Amino acid sequence: MPQDTKRSTIYFDADLHEALRLKAAHSHQSVSEIVNDAVREALAEDQEDLAAFGERVAEPTVSYEALLNGLKADGKI
């Protein structure tokens, strides 16, 4: 086990834990490796989302009411 790891206790639903164990056995990985990969992927997606929000912060906002009024005026609803 790498020196820079930390131990934590995580409680999984029984079915999820069984699926993780089976995936680990099938893929020749540990449950920890699978969970770490999944967490890394989720955090990377969050970072991408935050970057996209940052890029769009200057865009004008439209209220839901204005959006509906525009759709109605255009004959789309």
N, C-alpha and C. Protein backbone atom coordinates (compact mmCIF):
# COMPACT_ATOMS: atom_id res chain seq x y z
N MET A 1 0.85 -1.19 0.00
CA MET A 1 0.00 0.00 0.00
C MET A 1 0.89 1.24 0.00
N PRO A 2 0.59 2.23 -0.86
CA PRO A 2 1.42 3.44 -0.92
C PRO A 2 1.45 4.18 0.42
N GLN A 3 2.54 4.89 0.64
CA GLN A 3 2.73 5.62 1.89
C GLN A 3 1.76 6.78 2.06
N ASP A 4 1.29 7.36 0.97
CA ASP A 4 0.45 8.55 1.05
C ASP A 4 -1.04 8.24 1.09
N THR A 5 -1.42 7.08 1.57
CA THR A 5 -2.83 6.73 1.67
C THR A 5 -3.33 6.97 3.09
N LYS A 6 -4.61 7.17 3.21
CA LYS A 6 -5.28 7.33 4.49
C LYS A 6 -6.37 6.28 4.60
N ARG A 7 -6.56 5.80 5.79
CA ARG A 7 -7.58 4.79 6.03
C ARG A 7 -8.88 5.47 6.45
N SER A 8 -9.99 4.94 5.94
CA SER A 8 -11.30 5.47 6.28
C SER A 8 -12.30 4.33 6.29
N THR A 9 -13.31 4.47 7.10
CA THR A 9 -14.38 3.47 7.13
C THR A 9 -15.56 4.01 6.34
N ILE A 10 -16.02 3.24 5.38
CA ILE A 10 -17.17 3.62 4.55
C ILE A 10 -18.20 2.51 4.66
N TYR A 11 -19.44 2.88 4.86
CA TYR A 11 -20.52 1.91 4.94
C TYR A 11 -21.29 1.92 3.62
N PHE A 12 -21.36 0.75 2.97
CA PHE A 12 -22.06 0.60 1.71
C PHE A 12 -23.36 -0.16 1.93
N ASP A 13 -24.34 0.10 1.07
CA ASP A 13 -25.51 -0.77 1.03
C ASP A 13 -25.00 -2.17 0.70
N ALA A 14 -25.65 -3.17 1.22
CA ALA A 14 -25.20 -4.56 1.04
C ALA A 14 -25.07 -4.92 -0.44
N ASP A 15 -26.07 -4.56 -1.24
CA ASP A 15 -26.03 -4.90 -2.67
C ASP A 15 -24.90 -4.17 -3.39
N LEU A 16 -24.67 -2.92 -3.03
CA LEU A 16 -23.58 -2.16 -3.64
C LEU A 16 -22.23 -2.76 -3.26
N HIS A 17 -22.09 -3.16 -2.01
CA HIS A 17 -20.84 -3.78 -1.57
C HIS A 17 -20.58 -5.08 -2.32
N GLU A 18 -21.62 -5.87 -2.50
CA GLU A 18 -21.47 -7.13 -3.23
C GLU A 18 -21.06 -6.86 -4.68
N ALA A 19 -21.66 -5.84 -5.30
CA ALA A 19 -21.30 -5.49 -6.67
C ALA A 19 -19.84 -5.03 -6.74
N LEU A 20 -19.41 -4.25 -5.76
CA LEU A 20 -18.01 -3.81 -5.73
C LEU A 20 -17.06 -4.99 -5.57
N ARG A 21 -17.40 -5.90 -4.68
CA ARG A 21 -16.53 -7.07 -4.48
C ARG A 21 -16.42 -7.90 -5.75
N LEU A 22 -17.55 -8.10 -6.43
CA LEU A 22 -17.53 -8.88 -7.67
C LEU A 22 -16.75 -8.16 -8.77
N LYS A 23 -16.94 -6.84 -8.88
CA LYS A 23 -16.20 -6.08 -9.87
C LYS A 23 -14.71 -6.14 -9.57
N ALA A 24 -14.34 -6.04 -8.30
CA ALA A 24 -12.93 -6.10 -7.91
C ALA A 24 -12.33 -7.44 -8.30
N ALA A 25 -13.04 -8.51 -8.03
CA ALA A 25 -12.53 -9.84 -8.37
C ALA A 25 -12.42 -10.00 -9.88
N HIS A 26 -13.41 -9.52 -10.60
CA HIS A 26 -13.43 -9.66 -12.05
C HIS A 26 -12.34 -8.81 -12.73
N SER A 27 -12.06 -7.64 -12.17
CA SER A 27 -11.12 -6.72 -12.81
C SER A 27 -9.71 -6.80 -12.22
N HIS A 28 -9.53 -7.68 -11.25
CA HIS A 28 -8.23 -7.84 -10.59
C HIS A 28 -7.76 -6.54 -9.93
N GLN A 29 -8.72 -5.82 -9.36
CA GLN A 29 -8.43 -4.61 -8.60
C GLN A 29 -8.98 -4.79 -7.20
N SER A 30 -8.52 -3.95 -6.30
CA SER A 30 -9.10 -3.96 -4.96
C SER A 30 -10.34 -3.06 -4.94
N VAL A 31 -11.19 -3.26 -3.96
CA VAL A 31 -12.34 -2.38 -3.79
C VAL A 31 -11.85 -0.94 -3.59
N SER A 32 -10.76 -0.77 -2.85
CA SER A 32 -10.20 0.57 -2.64
C SER A 32 -9.81 1.23 -3.95
N GLU A 33 -9.19 0.48 -4.85
CA GLU A 33 -8.81 1.05 -6.15
C GLU A 33 -10.04 1.50 -6.94
N ILE A 34 -11.07 0.68 -6.93
CA ILE A 34 -12.29 1.01 -7.66
C ILE A 34 -12.94 2.26 -7.07
N VAL A 35 -13.03 2.31 -5.75
CA VAL A 35 -13.65 3.46 -5.09
C VAL A 35 -12.81 4.72 -5.32
N ASN A 36 -11.49 4.63 -5.18
CA ASN A 36 -10.63 5.78 -5.43
C ASN A 36 -10.79 6.29 -6.85
N ASP A 37 -10.83 5.39 -7.83
CA ASP A 37 -11.01 5.80 -9.23
C ASP A 37 -12.36 6.51 -9.42
N ALA A 38 -13.41 5.98 -8.81
CA ALA A 38 -14.74 6.58 -8.93
C ALA A 38 -14.78 7.97 -8.29
N VAL A 39 -14.14 8.12 -7.14
CA VAL A 39 -14.11 9.42 -6.47
C VAL A 39 -13.30 10.42 -7.29
N ARG A 40 -12.17 9.99 -7.82
CA ARG A 40 -11.36 10.88 -8.67
C ARG A 40 -12.18 11.37 -9.86
N GLU A 41 -12.91 10.45 -10.49
CA GLU A 41 -13.72 10.79 -11.65
C GLU A 41 -14.82 11.78 -11.27
N ALA A 42 -15.48 11.56 -10.14
CA ALA A 42 -16.54 12.47 -9.69
C ALA A 42 -15.97 13.85 -9.39
N LEU A 43 -14.81 13.91 -8.75
CA LEU A 43 -14.20 15.20 -8.45
C LEU A 43 -13.76 15.92 -9.72
N ALA A 44 -13.26 15.19 -10.70
CA ALA A 44 -12.86 15.79 -11.97
C ALA A 44 -14.08 16.37 -12.68
N GLU A 45 -15.21 15.65 -12.64
CA GLU A 45 -16.44 16.16 -13.25
C GLU A 45 -16.89 17.43 -12.54
N ASP A 46 -16.80 17.45 -11.20
CA ASP A 46 -17.15 18.66 -10.46
C ASP A 46 -16.28 19.83 -10.88
N GLN A 47 -14.98 19.58 -11.04
CA GLN A 47 -14.06 20.65 -11.44
C GLN A 47 -14.42 21.17 -12.82
N GLU A 48 -14.76 20.28 -13.74
CA GLU A 48 -15.17 20.69 -15.08
C GLU A 48 -16.45 21.52 -15.02
N ASP A 49 -17.40 21.10 -14.19
CA ASP A 49 -18.65 21.84 -14.04
C ASP A 49 -18.38 23.24 -13.50
N LEU A 50 -17.54 23.34 -12.48
CA LEU A 50 -17.22 24.65 -11.90
C LEU A 50 -16.53 25.55 -12.91
N ALA A 51 -15.65 24.98 -13.73
CA ALA A 51 -14.99 25.76 -14.77
C ALA A 51 -16.02 26.27 -15.78
N ALA A 52 -16.97 25.43 -16.14
CA ALA A 52 -18.01 25.83 -17.10
C ALA A 52 -18.88 26.94 -16.50
N PHE A 53 -19.21 26.83 -15.22
CA PHE A 53 -19.98 27.89 -14.57
C PHE A 53 -19.20 29.20 -14.60
N GLY A 54 -17.91 29.12 -14.35
CA GLY A 54 -17.07 30.31 -14.36
C GLY A 54 -17.05 30.98 -15.72
N GLU A 55 -17.03 30.17 -16.78
CA GLU A 55 -17.03 30.70 -18.14
C GLU A 55 -18.35 31.37 -18.49
N ARG A 56 -19.43 30.93 -17.85
CA ARG A 56 -20.76 31.43 -18.21
C ARG A 56 -21.28 32.49 -17.25
N VAL A 57 -20.46 32.89 -16.27
CA VAL A 57 -20.93 33.81 -15.23
C VAL A 57 -21.37 35.15 -15.81
N ALA A 58 -20.81 35.59 -16.91
CA ALA A 58 -21.15 36.88 -17.50
C ALA A 58 -22.37 36.82 -18.41
N GLU A 59 -22.88 35.63 -18.67
CA GLU A 59 -24.05 35.50 -19.54
C GLU A 59 -25.28 36.09 -18.84
N PRO A 60 -26.16 36.71 -19.61
CA PRO A 60 -27.37 37.26 -18.99
C PRO A 60 -28.28 36.12 -18.51
N THR A 61 -29.02 36.40 -17.46
CA THR A 61 -29.97 35.41 -16.96
C THR A 61 -31.36 35.75 -17.48
N VAL A 62 -32.18 34.73 -17.61
CA VAL A 62 -33.55 34.89 -18.06
C VAL A 62 -34.44 34.20 -17.04
N SER A 63 -35.47 34.90 -16.59
CA SER A 63 -36.38 34.28 -15.64
C SER A 63 -37.20 33.21 -16.33
N TYR A 64 -37.72 32.29 -15.56
CA TYR A 64 -38.55 31.23 -16.11
C TYR A 64 -39.79 31.84 -16.78
N GLU A 65 -40.37 32.84 -16.13
CA GLU A 65 -41.55 33.50 -16.68
C GLU A 65 -41.23 34.14 -18.04
N ALA A 66 -40.10 34.82 -18.13
CA ALA A 66 -39.71 35.44 -19.40
C ALA A 66 -39.47 34.39 -20.47
N LEU A 67 -38.86 33.28 -20.10
CA LEU A 67 -38.63 32.19 -21.05
C LEU A 67 -39.95 31.67 -21.59
N LEU A 68 -40.92 31.41 -20.69
CA LEU A 68 -42.22 30.92 -21.13
C LEU A 68 -42.93 31.93 -22.01
N ASN A 69 -42.86 33.20 -21.63
CA ASN A 69 -43.48 34.25 -22.45
C ASN A 69 -42.86 34.30 -23.84
N GLY A 70 -41.54 34.15 -23.92
CA GLY A 70 -40.87 34.14 -25.21
C GLY A 70 -41.27 32.94 -26.06
N LEU A 71 -41.38 31.78 -25.43
CA LEU A 71 -41.80 30.59 -26.17
C LEU A 71 -43.22 30.74 -26.68
N LYS A 72 -44.09 31.32 -25.84
CA LYS A 72 -45.47 31.53 -26.28
C LYS A 72 -45.54 32.53 -27.41
N ALA A 73 -44.78 33.62 -27.30
CA ALA A 73 -44.78 34.64 -28.35
C ALA A 73 -44.25 34.07 -29.68
N ASP A 74 -43.35 33.12 -29.60
CA ASP A 74 -42.80 32.49 -30.81
C ASP A 74 -43.67 31.35 -31.33
N GLY A 75 -44.78 31.07 -30.64
CA GLY A 75 -45.69 30.00 -31.05
C GLY A 75 -45.16 28.60 -30.77
N LYS A 76 -44.20 28.49 -29.86
CA LYS A 76 -43.62 27.17 -29.56
C LYS A 76 -44.36 26.44 -28.46
N ILE A 77 -45.18 27.18 -27.71
CA ILE A 77 -46.04 26.51 -26.71
C ILE A 77 -47.42 27.12 -26.77
